[in-house]
N, C-alpha and C. Protein backbone atom coordinates (compact mmCIF):
# COMPACT_ATOMS: atom_id res chain seq x y z
N MET A 1 78.00 107.83 102.09
CA MET A 1 77.95 106.85 101.02
C MET A 1 76.83 107.20 100.05
N PHE A 2 77.11 107.06 98.73
CA PHE A 2 76.06 107.29 97.76
C PHE A 2 76.24 106.35 96.59
N ILE A 3 75.19 106.17 95.82
CA ILE A 3 75.22 105.33 94.63
C ILE A 3 74.84 106.19 93.45
N ASN A 4 75.63 106.13 92.40
CA ASN A 4 75.37 106.88 91.17
C ASN A 4 75.19 105.88 90.04
N TYR A 5 73.97 105.72 89.52
CA TYR A 5 73.68 104.72 88.50
C TYR A 5 73.95 105.25 87.10
N ILE A 6 74.62 104.45 86.27
CA ILE A 6 74.82 104.74 84.86
C ILE A 6 74.51 103.46 84.10
N GLN A 7 73.34 103.37 83.50
CA GLN A 7 72.86 102.17 82.82
C GLN A 7 72.99 100.99 83.78
N ASN A 8 73.75 99.93 83.39
CA ASN A 8 73.87 98.78 84.29
C ASN A 8 75.15 98.86 85.12
N GLN A 9 75.75 100.05 85.20
CA GLN A 9 76.96 100.27 85.99
C GLN A 9 76.69 101.36 87.02
N PHE A 10 77.26 101.19 88.20
CA PHE A 10 77.13 102.25 89.19
C PHE A 10 78.40 102.33 90.03
N GLU A 11 78.53 103.46 90.72
CA GLU A 11 79.67 103.72 91.59
C GLU A 11 79.18 103.68 93.03
N LYS A 12 79.89 102.95 93.86
CA LYS A 12 79.56 102.88 95.28
C LYS A 12 80.68 103.54 96.07
N THR A 13 80.38 104.63 96.75
CA THR A 13 81.36 105.35 97.54
C THR A 13 81.31 104.88 98.98
N ILE A 14 82.48 104.57 99.53
CA ILE A 14 82.61 104.18 100.93
C ILE A 14 83.63 105.10 101.59
N GLY A 15 83.17 105.91 102.50
CA GLY A 15 84.03 106.85 103.22
C GLY A 15 83.96 108.25 102.64
N ASN A 16 83.85 109.22 103.52
CA ASN A 16 83.84 110.63 103.09
C ASN A 16 84.69 111.49 104.02
N GLY A 17 85.62 110.85 104.73
CA GLY A 17 86.45 111.57 105.68
C GLY A 17 87.52 112.41 105.00
N VAL A 18 88.12 113.29 105.78
CA VAL A 18 89.16 114.18 105.27
C VAL A 18 90.50 113.97 105.99
N ILE A 19 90.62 112.86 106.73
CA ILE A 19 91.91 112.50 107.32
C ILE A 19 92.87 112.23 106.16
N THR A 20 94.11 112.71 106.25
CA THR A 20 95.06 112.50 105.17
C THR A 20 96.17 111.56 105.60
N ARG A 21 96.50 110.61 104.72
CA ARG A 21 97.57 109.65 104.98
C ARG A 21 98.44 109.47 103.74
N GLY A 22 99.70 109.85 103.83
CA GLY A 22 100.62 109.66 102.73
C GLY A 22 101.00 108.20 102.52
N ALA A 23 100.75 107.36 103.51
CA ALA A 23 101.09 105.93 103.40
C ALA A 23 100.03 105.13 102.66
N PHE A 24 98.89 105.73 102.36
CA PHE A 24 97.79 105.00 101.73
C PHE A 24 97.43 105.64 100.40
N PRO A 25 96.97 104.91 99.40
CA PRO A 25 96.74 103.46 99.41
C PRO A 25 98.02 102.64 99.30
N MET A 26 99.17 103.28 98.92
CA MET A 26 100.48 102.66 99.01
C MET A 26 101.48 103.76 99.38
N TYR A 27 102.65 103.35 99.88
CA TYR A 27 103.58 104.34 100.44
C TYR A 27 104.77 104.54 99.54
N MET A 28 104.89 105.74 98.96
CA MET A 28 105.97 106.04 98.01
C MET A 28 107.31 106.30 98.69
N PHE A 29 107.34 106.43 100.02
CA PHE A 29 108.61 106.65 100.72
C PHE A 29 109.33 105.35 101.05
N TYR A 30 108.76 104.22 100.70
CA TYR A 30 109.44 102.93 100.84
C TYR A 30 109.50 102.24 99.49
N GLN A 31 110.51 101.42 99.30
CA GLN A 31 110.73 100.76 98.01
C GLN A 31 109.77 99.59 97.78
N PHE A 32 109.35 98.96 98.86
CA PHE A 32 108.52 97.75 98.77
C PHE A 32 107.49 97.76 99.91
N GLY A 33 106.39 97.06 99.71
CA GLY A 33 105.45 96.95 100.82
C GLY A 33 104.08 96.44 100.44
N TYR A 34 103.32 96.21 101.49
CA TYR A 34 101.93 95.77 101.39
C TYR A 34 101.03 96.77 102.10
N CYS A 35 99.87 97.05 101.51
CA CYS A 35 98.79 97.77 102.18
C CYS A 35 97.51 96.99 101.93
N ALA A 36 96.68 96.85 102.94
CA ALA A 36 95.44 96.09 102.78
C ALA A 36 94.32 96.77 103.57
N TYR A 37 93.12 96.63 103.03
CA TYR A 37 91.94 97.30 103.60
C TYR A 37 90.74 96.38 103.49
N ILE A 38 89.92 96.35 104.53
CA ILE A 38 88.68 95.57 104.51
C ILE A 38 87.49 96.54 104.46
N TYR A 39 86.59 96.29 103.50
CA TYR A 39 85.33 97.03 103.37
C TYR A 39 84.21 95.99 103.52
N THR A 40 83.27 96.26 104.41
CA THR A 40 82.28 95.24 104.74
C THR A 40 81.16 95.16 103.71
N ASN A 41 80.51 94.02 103.68
CA ASN A 41 79.36 93.85 102.77
C ASN A 41 78.23 94.81 103.13
N ILE A 42 78.14 95.18 104.40
CA ILE A 42 77.12 96.16 104.80
C ILE A 42 77.44 97.53 104.20
N GLU A 43 78.71 97.92 104.22
CA GLU A 43 79.11 99.19 103.61
C GLU A 43 78.90 99.17 102.10
N ILE A 44 79.20 98.04 101.48
CA ILE A 44 79.03 97.93 100.02
C ILE A 44 77.55 97.90 99.67
N GLY A 45 76.75 97.19 100.46
CA GLY A 45 75.30 97.28 100.37
C GLY A 45 74.69 96.79 99.08
N ILE A 46 75.22 95.71 98.53
CA ILE A 46 74.70 95.15 97.28
C ILE A 46 73.97 93.85 97.60
N GLY A 47 72.79 93.64 97.01
CA GLY A 47 71.98 92.47 97.32
C GLY A 47 72.12 91.31 96.36
N GLN A 48 73.10 91.35 95.47
CA GLN A 48 73.26 90.28 94.50
C GLN A 48 74.72 90.21 94.06
N ASN A 49 75.09 89.09 93.45
CA ASN A 49 76.43 88.98 92.89
C ASN A 49 76.62 90.03 91.81
N VAL A 50 77.77 90.69 91.81
CA VAL A 50 78.07 91.74 90.84
C VAL A 50 79.52 91.61 90.38
N TRP A 51 79.87 92.37 89.35
CA TRP A 51 81.24 92.46 88.88
C TRP A 51 81.80 93.82 89.28
N ILE A 52 82.94 93.80 89.96
CA ILE A 52 83.66 95.04 90.25
C ILE A 52 84.69 95.22 89.13
N THR A 53 84.59 96.33 88.41
CA THR A 53 85.45 96.54 87.24
C THR A 53 86.54 97.59 87.48
N GLY A 54 86.49 98.26 88.61
CA GLY A 54 87.52 99.25 88.92
C GLY A 54 87.34 99.79 90.32
N ILE A 55 88.33 100.54 90.74
CA ILE A 55 88.30 101.16 92.06
C ILE A 55 88.92 102.55 91.95
N ARG A 56 88.40 103.48 92.73
CA ARG A 56 88.94 104.83 92.78
C ARG A 56 89.35 105.15 94.21
N PHE A 57 90.47 105.88 94.32
CA PHE A 57 90.92 106.39 95.59
C PHE A 57 90.87 107.90 95.55
N ASN A 58 90.48 108.52 96.65
CA ASN A 58 90.33 109.98 96.76
C ASN A 58 91.71 110.57 97.07
N MET A 59 92.43 111.00 96.03
CA MET A 59 93.85 111.34 96.13
C MET A 59 94.09 112.84 96.04
N VAL A 60 95.18 113.26 96.67
CA VAL A 60 95.69 114.63 96.54
C VAL A 60 97.17 114.52 96.15
N GLY A 61 97.53 115.15 95.02
CA GLY A 61 98.91 115.12 94.55
C GLY A 61 99.74 116.19 95.24
N ASP A 62 101.07 116.07 95.08
CA ASP A 62 101.92 117.11 95.67
C ASP A 62 101.98 118.32 94.75
N ALA A 63 102.61 119.38 95.23
CA ALA A 63 102.64 120.64 94.48
C ALA A 63 103.88 120.77 93.59
N VAL A 64 104.72 119.74 93.55
CA VAL A 64 105.99 119.84 92.85
C VAL A 64 105.95 119.17 91.47
N ASP A 65 105.43 117.94 91.41
CA ASP A 65 105.53 117.19 90.17
C ASP A 65 104.55 116.03 90.19
N ASN A 66 104.32 115.43 89.02
CA ASN A 66 103.64 114.14 88.96
C ASN A 66 104.49 113.12 89.71
N ARG A 67 103.86 112.18 90.39
CA ARG A 67 104.58 111.16 91.14
C ARG A 67 104.14 109.79 90.63
N THR A 68 105.11 109.00 90.15
CA THR A 68 104.82 107.71 89.54
C THR A 68 105.63 106.61 90.20
N VAL A 69 104.99 105.49 90.45
CA VAL A 69 105.67 104.27 90.90
C VAL A 69 105.29 103.14 89.96
N ASP A 70 106.27 102.32 89.60
CA ASP A 70 106.06 101.17 88.72
C ASP A 70 105.85 99.91 89.55
N ASN A 71 105.52 98.83 88.85
CA ASN A 71 105.44 97.49 89.46
C ASN A 71 104.49 97.43 90.65
N GLN A 72 103.28 97.91 90.43
CA GLN A 72 102.23 97.85 91.44
C GLN A 72 101.25 96.73 91.09
N THR A 73 100.72 96.08 92.09
CA THR A 73 99.75 95.00 91.88
C THR A 73 98.58 95.18 92.83
N LEU A 74 97.38 95.09 92.30
CA LEU A 74 96.17 95.18 93.10
C LEU A 74 95.46 93.84 93.08
N LYS A 75 95.14 93.33 94.27
CA LYS A 75 94.47 92.03 94.40
C LYS A 75 93.23 92.20 95.26
N LEU A 76 92.21 91.39 94.97
CA LEU A 76 90.98 91.39 95.76
C LEU A 76 90.71 90.00 96.29
N SER A 77 90.04 89.96 97.44
CA SER A 77 89.62 88.71 98.03
C SER A 77 88.33 88.96 98.81
N GLN A 78 87.68 87.89 99.19
CA GLN A 78 86.49 87.98 100.03
C GLN A 78 86.75 87.23 101.33
N VAL A 79 86.44 87.88 102.44
CA VAL A 79 86.73 87.32 103.76
C VAL A 79 85.51 87.50 104.66
N ASN A 80 85.43 86.66 105.68
CA ASN A 80 84.32 86.77 106.63
C ASN A 80 84.60 87.82 107.70
N SER A 81 85.85 88.02 108.05
CA SER A 81 86.20 88.96 109.11
C SER A 81 86.05 90.40 108.62
N ASN A 82 85.64 91.28 109.51
CA ASN A 82 85.56 92.70 109.16
C ASN A 82 86.76 93.49 109.70
N ILE A 83 87.71 92.79 110.35
CA ILE A 83 88.93 93.40 110.86
C ILE A 83 90.11 92.46 110.58
N PHE A 84 91.32 93.02 110.69
CA PHE A 84 92.52 92.20 110.64
C PHE A 84 92.80 91.70 112.05
N PRO A 85 92.80 90.38 112.26
CA PRO A 85 93.00 89.86 113.60
C PRO A 85 94.45 90.03 114.06
N PRO A 86 94.69 90.03 115.37
CA PRO A 86 96.07 90.09 115.86
C PRO A 86 96.92 88.99 115.23
N GLY A 87 98.16 89.33 114.90
CA GLY A 87 99.06 88.36 114.30
C GLY A 87 98.91 88.21 112.80
N THR A 88 98.15 89.10 112.17
CA THR A 88 97.99 89.02 110.71
C THR A 88 99.34 89.16 110.03
N GLN A 89 99.58 88.29 109.04
CA GLN A 89 100.82 88.30 108.27
C GLN A 89 100.56 88.83 106.87
N ASN A 90 101.63 89.14 106.16
CA ASN A 90 101.50 89.68 104.80
C ASN A 90 100.79 88.74 103.84
N ASN A 91 100.82 87.44 104.09
CA ASN A 91 100.12 86.49 103.22
C ASN A 91 98.63 86.40 103.53
N MET A 92 98.18 87.11 104.56
CA MET A 92 96.77 87.16 104.95
C MET A 92 96.18 85.78 105.29
N SER A 93 97.05 84.83 105.65
CA SER A 93 96.57 83.47 105.93
C SER A 93 95.62 83.42 107.11
N GLN A 94 95.73 84.38 108.04
CA GLN A 94 94.82 84.40 109.19
C GLN A 94 93.39 84.70 108.77
N LEU A 95 93.23 85.23 107.55
CA LEU A 95 91.90 85.55 107.03
C LEU A 95 91.42 84.52 106.02
N SER A 96 92.24 83.49 105.75
CA SER A 96 91.92 82.47 104.74
C SER A 96 91.57 83.13 103.41
N ALA A 97 92.38 84.09 103.01
CA ALA A 97 92.09 84.86 101.81
C ALA A 97 92.66 84.19 100.56
N ILE A 98 91.82 84.05 99.55
CA ILE A 98 92.24 83.58 98.22
C ILE A 98 92.13 84.77 97.29
N PHE A 99 93.25 85.21 96.76
CA PHE A 99 93.29 86.47 96.03
C PHE A 99 93.17 86.29 94.52
N THR A 100 92.54 87.28 93.90
CA THR A 100 92.52 87.42 92.45
C THR A 100 93.25 88.70 92.10
N THR A 101 94.26 88.59 91.23
CA THR A 101 94.96 89.77 90.76
C THR A 101 94.09 90.47 89.72
N VAL A 102 93.72 91.70 89.98
CA VAL A 102 92.84 92.43 89.07
C VAL A 102 93.58 93.47 88.24
N LYS A 103 94.82 93.83 88.66
CA LYS A 103 95.55 94.84 87.90
C LYS A 103 97.03 94.83 88.30
N SER A 104 97.90 94.83 87.28
CA SER A 104 99.33 95.10 87.45
C SER A 104 99.58 96.38 86.67
N PHE A 105 100.24 97.38 87.28
CA PHE A 105 100.20 98.71 86.67
C PHE A 105 101.26 99.63 87.23
N ALA A 106 101.44 100.77 86.57
CA ALA A 106 102.19 101.90 87.11
C ALA A 106 101.16 102.89 87.66
N TRP A 107 101.46 103.47 88.80
CA TRP A 107 100.53 104.36 89.51
C TRP A 107 101.08 105.77 89.46
N THR A 108 100.32 106.67 88.87
CA THR A 108 100.72 108.07 88.79
C THR A 108 99.68 108.95 89.47
N VAL A 109 100.14 109.76 90.41
CA VAL A 109 99.28 110.78 91.01
C VAL A 109 99.73 112.11 90.43
N PRO A 110 98.89 112.77 89.62
CA PRO A 110 99.31 114.01 88.96
C PRO A 110 99.56 115.16 89.94
N LYS A 111 100.43 116.06 89.52
CA LYS A 111 100.71 117.27 90.28
C LYS A 111 99.42 118.05 90.54
N ASP A 112 99.26 118.56 91.76
CA ASP A 112 98.11 119.38 92.16
C ASP A 112 96.77 118.68 91.99
N PHE A 113 96.78 117.35 91.92
CA PHE A 113 95.55 116.58 91.77
C PHE A 113 94.75 116.61 93.07
N ASN A 114 93.43 116.65 92.98
CA ASN A 114 92.57 116.60 94.17
C ASN A 114 91.21 116.06 93.74
N ASN A 115 91.14 114.72 93.60
CA ASN A 115 89.93 114.12 93.07
C ASN A 115 90.04 112.61 93.21
N TRP A 116 89.06 111.91 92.65
CA TRP A 116 89.08 110.45 92.61
C TRP A 116 90.00 110.01 91.47
N LEU A 117 90.91 109.10 91.77
CA LEU A 117 91.85 108.57 90.79
C LEU A 117 91.53 107.09 90.57
N GLU A 118 91.18 106.74 89.34
CA GLU A 118 90.62 105.41 89.04
C GLU A 118 91.67 104.43 88.56
N ILE A 119 91.51 103.19 89.00
CA ILE A 119 92.26 102.06 88.49
C ILE A 119 91.24 101.12 87.84
N GLN A 120 91.31 100.98 86.52
CA GLN A 120 90.42 100.08 85.80
C GLN A 120 91.05 98.69 85.80
N PHE A 121 90.27 97.69 86.21
CA PHE A 121 90.81 96.34 86.33
C PHE A 121 91.01 95.69 84.97
N ASP A 122 92.08 94.91 84.85
CA ASP A 122 92.26 94.06 83.67
C ASP A 122 91.32 92.86 83.75
N THR A 123 91.06 92.41 84.97
CA THR A 123 90.19 91.26 85.21
C THR A 123 89.06 91.69 86.14
N PRO A 124 87.82 91.80 85.63
CA PRO A 124 86.70 92.13 86.52
C PRO A 124 86.60 91.10 87.65
N TYR A 125 86.16 91.57 88.80
CA TYR A 125 86.11 90.71 89.99
C TYR A 125 84.66 90.41 90.34
N ASN A 126 84.34 89.11 90.45
CA ASN A 126 82.98 88.69 90.81
C ASN A 126 82.82 88.73 92.33
N TYR A 127 81.97 89.65 92.79
CA TYR A 127 81.81 89.87 94.22
C TYR A 127 80.51 89.27 94.72
N ASN A 128 80.62 88.47 95.80
CA ASN A 128 79.48 87.84 96.46
C ASN A 128 79.10 88.71 97.66
N PRO A 129 77.87 89.22 97.73
CA PRO A 129 77.52 90.19 98.76
C PRO A 129 77.39 89.64 100.17
N THR A 130 77.61 88.34 100.34
CA THR A 130 77.51 87.77 101.70
C THR A 130 78.81 87.88 102.48
N THR A 131 79.88 88.34 101.81
CA THR A 131 81.18 88.44 102.48
C THR A 131 81.76 89.84 102.33
N ASN A 132 82.84 90.10 103.06
CA ASN A 132 83.50 91.40 103.02
C ASN A 132 84.60 91.42 101.96
N LEU A 133 84.92 92.60 101.48
CA LEU A 133 85.90 92.76 100.42
C LEU A 133 87.25 93.17 101.01
N LEU A 134 88.28 92.40 100.67
CA LEU A 134 89.65 92.70 101.09
C LEU A 134 90.43 93.20 99.87
N VAL A 135 90.95 94.42 99.98
CA VAL A 135 91.74 95.04 98.92
C VAL A 135 93.21 94.99 99.35
N LEU A 136 94.06 94.34 98.56
CA LEU A 136 95.48 94.21 98.88
C LEU A 136 96.30 94.89 97.78
N TRP A 137 97.14 95.84 98.18
CA TRP A 137 98.00 96.57 97.25
C TRP A 137 99.44 96.18 97.55
N GLU A 138 100.15 95.67 96.51
CA GLU A 138 101.54 95.27 96.65
C GLU A 138 102.42 96.25 95.87
N ASN A 139 103.39 96.83 96.54
CA ASN A 139 104.32 97.78 95.93
C ASN A 139 105.67 97.11 95.73
N ARG A 140 106.06 96.90 94.49
CA ARG A 140 107.37 96.35 94.16
C ARG A 140 108.17 97.34 93.30
N ASN A 141 108.00 98.61 93.56
CA ASN A 141 108.64 99.64 92.75
C ASN A 141 110.16 99.56 92.80
N GLY A 142 110.71 99.26 93.98
CA GLY A 142 112.15 99.18 94.12
C GLY A 142 112.83 100.52 94.27
N ALA A 143 112.05 101.59 94.35
CA ALA A 143 112.58 102.94 94.55
C ALA A 143 111.54 103.72 95.34
N TYR A 144 111.95 104.87 95.86
CA TYR A 144 111.01 105.71 96.58
C TYR A 144 111.13 107.14 96.11
N ILE A 145 110.10 107.90 96.35
CA ILE A 145 110.06 109.28 95.90
C ILE A 145 110.89 110.14 96.83
N LEU A 146 111.82 110.90 96.26
CA LEU A 146 112.69 111.77 97.04
C LEU A 146 112.41 113.23 96.72
N GLY A 147 112.90 114.11 97.56
CA GLY A 147 112.95 115.53 97.21
C GLY A 147 111.75 116.35 97.62
N THR A 148 110.77 115.73 98.27
CA THR A 148 109.63 116.52 98.71
C THR A 148 108.98 115.87 99.92
N SER A 149 108.49 116.70 100.80
CA SER A 149 107.70 116.18 101.92
C SER A 149 106.22 116.20 101.56
N LEU A 150 105.91 116.72 100.39
CA LEU A 150 104.51 116.83 99.96
C LEU A 150 104.13 115.63 99.11
N ILE A 151 104.38 114.44 99.65
CA ILE A 151 104.09 113.21 98.92
C ILE A 151 102.59 113.09 98.69
N PRO A 152 102.16 112.50 97.58
CA PRO A 152 100.71 112.30 97.39
C PRO A 152 100.10 111.55 98.56
N TYR A 153 98.87 111.88 98.88
CA TYR A 153 98.20 111.21 99.98
C TYR A 153 96.75 110.91 99.64
N SER A 154 96.19 110.02 100.43
CA SER A 154 94.80 109.61 100.27
C SER A 154 93.95 110.25 101.35
N LYS A 155 92.73 110.64 100.97
CA LYS A 155 91.75 111.07 101.97
C LYS A 155 91.12 109.81 102.57
N CYS A 156 91.01 109.81 103.88
CA CYS A 156 90.60 108.61 104.61
C CYS A 156 89.51 108.93 105.62
N THR A 157 88.90 107.85 106.11
CA THR A 157 87.89 107.92 107.16
C THR A 157 88.30 106.97 108.27
N SER A 158 88.03 107.32 109.50
CA SER A 158 88.26 106.43 110.63
C SER A 158 86.93 105.98 111.21
N ASN A 159 86.80 104.67 111.41
CA ASN A 159 85.61 104.17 112.11
C ASN A 159 86.00 103.41 113.37
N GLY A 160 87.27 103.50 113.76
CA GLY A 160 87.73 102.88 115.00
C GLY A 160 87.94 101.39 114.92
N LEU A 161 87.80 100.80 113.74
CA LEU A 161 87.99 99.36 113.57
C LEU A 161 89.36 99.07 112.99
N ASN A 162 89.89 97.90 113.30
CA ASN A 162 91.20 97.48 112.79
C ASN A 162 91.06 96.94 111.36
N ASN A 163 90.67 97.83 110.43
CA ASN A 163 90.44 97.36 109.06
C ASN A 163 91.46 97.91 108.06
N THR A 164 92.60 98.38 108.56
CA THR A 164 93.72 98.79 107.71
C THR A 164 94.96 98.05 108.18
N TYR A 165 95.80 97.65 107.20
CA TYR A 165 97.00 96.86 107.48
C TYR A 165 98.11 97.34 106.57
N TYR A 166 99.37 97.36 107.08
CA TYR A 166 100.48 97.71 106.21
C TYR A 166 101.79 97.13 106.72
N ASN A 167 102.74 96.97 105.79
CA ASN A 167 104.09 96.53 106.10
C ASN A 167 105.00 97.04 104.99
N PHE A 168 105.93 97.93 105.32
CA PHE A 168 106.81 98.57 104.34
C PHE A 168 108.27 98.30 104.69
N GLN A 169 109.13 98.29 103.66
CA GLN A 169 110.56 98.26 103.91
C GLN A 169 111.31 98.59 102.61
N ASP A 170 112.59 98.86 102.74
CA ASP A 170 113.47 99.08 101.60
C ASP A 170 114.27 97.81 101.33
N GLY A 171 114.76 97.68 100.08
CA GLY A 171 115.67 96.59 99.74
C GLY A 171 115.01 95.38 99.12
N SER A 172 113.88 94.95 99.66
CA SER A 172 113.18 93.77 99.13
C SER A 172 111.77 93.73 99.70
N MET A 173 110.92 92.91 99.09
CA MET A 173 109.56 92.75 99.63
C MET A 173 109.62 92.14 101.03
N PRO A 174 108.80 92.64 101.95
CA PRO A 174 108.71 91.99 103.26
C PRO A 174 108.28 90.53 103.09
N SER A 175 108.78 89.67 103.95
CA SER A 175 108.43 88.26 103.90
C SER A 175 106.92 88.06 104.02
N LEU A 176 106.41 87.05 103.32
CA LEU A 176 104.98 86.77 103.39
C LEU A 176 104.53 86.39 104.79
N THR A 177 105.44 85.87 105.60
CA THR A 177 105.05 85.45 106.95
C THR A 177 105.38 86.49 108.02
N THR A 178 105.83 87.67 107.60
CA THR A 178 106.06 88.77 108.55
C THR A 178 104.74 89.39 108.96
N MET A 179 104.63 89.72 110.24
CA MET A 179 103.45 90.42 110.73
C MET A 179 103.60 91.91 110.49
N GLY A 180 102.57 92.54 109.95
CA GLY A 180 102.59 93.97 109.71
C GLY A 180 101.88 94.73 110.82
N THR A 181 101.57 95.98 110.52
CA THR A 181 100.90 96.86 111.48
C THR A 181 99.42 96.92 111.16
N ILE A 182 98.60 96.74 112.18
CA ILE A 182 97.15 96.85 112.05
C ILE A 182 96.75 98.22 112.58
N ASP A 183 95.91 98.92 111.82
CA ASP A 183 95.62 100.34 112.10
C ASP A 183 94.11 100.55 112.20
N ASN A 184 93.68 101.30 113.20
CA ASN A 184 92.26 101.64 113.33
C ASN A 184 92.01 103.14 113.22
N THR A 185 93.02 103.89 112.76
CA THR A 185 92.89 105.35 112.74
C THR A 185 92.46 105.91 111.39
N ALA A 186 92.63 105.14 110.29
CA ALA A 186 92.29 105.67 108.97
C ALA A 186 92.22 104.53 107.96
N ARG A 187 91.27 104.64 107.05
CA ARG A 187 91.14 103.72 105.92
C ARG A 187 90.76 104.55 104.71
N PRO A 188 91.39 104.30 103.53
CA PRO A 188 91.12 105.15 102.37
C PRO A 188 89.64 105.17 101.98
N ASN A 189 89.16 106.37 101.64
CA ASN A 189 87.85 106.48 100.98
C ASN A 189 87.98 105.85 99.59
N ILE A 190 86.99 105.08 99.19
CA ILE A 190 87.04 104.46 97.87
C ILE A 190 85.71 104.62 97.14
N GLN A 191 85.78 104.46 95.83
CA GLN A 191 84.61 104.24 95.00
C GLN A 191 84.81 102.95 94.27
N LEU A 192 83.86 102.04 94.38
CA LEU A 192 83.87 100.80 93.60
C LEU A 192 83.05 100.99 92.35
N ILE A 193 83.59 100.60 91.20
CA ILE A 193 82.86 100.63 89.94
C ILE A 193 82.27 99.26 89.74
N ILE A 194 80.94 99.19 89.73
CA ILE A 194 80.22 97.91 89.80
C ILE A 194 79.30 97.77 88.59
N LYS A 195 79.32 96.57 87.99
CA LYS A 195 78.38 96.24 86.91
C LYS A 195 77.49 95.10 87.38
N ILE A 196 76.20 95.22 87.06
CA ILE A 196 75.26 94.18 87.43
C ILE A 196 74.80 93.42 86.20
């Protein structure tokens, strides 16, 4: 983890692992789905309320073409739990999460890309450092990427905690009350863009 200061803005990096997951931060091989990740206030390490204005994922593109999915939504919430408890549903009600939509967008991972890929928020998010940050990605693309096994993937880190969650399917969005899969093997490396 490192902090890079630029005037009153800085980048906070969480995770430096090289585990690769094509399903994160969202899965292009399914038409619809949810992915969610918890990053703790200790990992974020900020001592005051701040504005998060964007997020970056450490992405690797495929060798064939740019890969784009439409109808993506990124939401943030603050929760007390540092893991997804057993029985977590897509609505995150087990975490008492109240979400703020920070971006609705099309997501493109460029061909042969290998770097941080930024999503600038339409709505800056006010983060309170006493709680953990929950990042929820909703995929409503309605199509999936075909023709290559070299789907874009995220570089991830594992800390052995159940702080990754997902639920994918074709045809329609999974029900809000469906239980997804809780994962302790990988969580995307991120950079938070923070203004004080």
